[in-house]
Amino acid sequence: MYSKSIKGEAIKLRKEGNSYSIISSKISVAKSTLSDWLKDVPFLPNKLVLHNRS
């Protein structure tokens, strides 16, 4: 079980445009957990994410 502050940080990072991989590495939460938590948070990739795709 994770604290509300960890979930809140995940939501904040996602709203900033970070991918599940980036968020997972920053807060040590599995991508599958992030997927569940963040399914309703819109994803607009930030420059770092867009740069890593090319």
Protein backbone atom coordinates (compact mmCIF):
# COMPACT_ATOMS: atom_id res chain seq x y z
CA MET A 1 0.00 0.00 0.00
CA TYR A 2 1.31 3.42 -0.95
CA SER A 3 0.72 6.68 0.86
CA LYS A 4 -1.54 9.39 -0.52
CA SER A 5 1.51 11.60 -0.93
CA ILE A 6 3.16 9.08 -3.29
CA LYS A 7 -0.01 8.85 -5.38
CA GLY A 8 -0.26 12.64 -5.34
CA GLU A 9 3.32 12.93 -6.56
CA ALA A 10 2.55 10.48 -9.39
CA ILE A 11 -0.45 12.56 -10.44
CA LYS A 12 1.62 15.76 -10.31
CA LEU A 13 4.37 14.22 -12.44
CA ARG A 14 1.85 12.92 -14.98
CA LYS A 15 0.16 16.32 -15.26
CA GLU A 16 3.64 17.73 -15.95
CA GLY A 17 3.77 15.43 -19.01
CA ASN A 18 6.01 12.65 -17.73
CA SER A 19 5.75 9.09 -19.02
CA TYR A 20 5.07 6.08 -16.80
CA SER A 21 8.74 5.10 -17.18
CA ILE A 22 9.97 8.45 -15.90
CA ILE A 23 7.46 8.53 -13.05
CA SER A 24 8.24 4.94 -12.10
CA SER A 25 11.95 5.65 -11.89
CA LYS A 26 11.43 8.82 -9.83
CA ILE A 27 9.05 7.42 -7.21
CA SER A 28 9.75 3.66 -7.38
CA VAL A 29 6.21 2.57 -8.20
CA ALA A 30 5.47 -0.15 -10.77
CA LYS A 31 4.11 1.00 -14.12
CA SER A 32 1.09 -1.27 -13.66
CA THR A 33 0.22 0.59 -10.45
CA LEU A 34 0.72 3.92 -12.19
CA SER A 35 -1.57 2.78 -14.99
CA ASP A 36 -4.32 2.15 -12.46
CA TRP A 37 -3.77 5.40 -10.60
CA LEU A 38 -3.39 7.61 -13.66
CA LYS A 39 -5.95 6.19 -16.08
CA ASP A 40 -8.10 9.34 -15.77
CA VAL A 41 -5.21 11.85 -15.90
CA PRO A 42 -4.78 13.32 -19.40
CA PHE A 43 -1.33 12.82 -20.92
CA LEU A 44 0.28 15.68 -22.80
CA PRO A 45 3.96 14.73 -23.28
CA ASN A 46 6.56 17.25 -22.15
CA LYS A 47 9.70 18.09 -24.13
CA LEU A 48 11.77 15.41 -22.39
CA VAL A 49 9.29 12.68 -23.33
CA LEU A 50 8.99 13.94 -26.90
CA HIS A 51 12.77 14.14 -27.26
CA ASN A 52 13.21 10.53 -26.08
CA ARG A 53 10.70 9.27 -28.66
CA SER A 54 12.80 10.36 -31.65
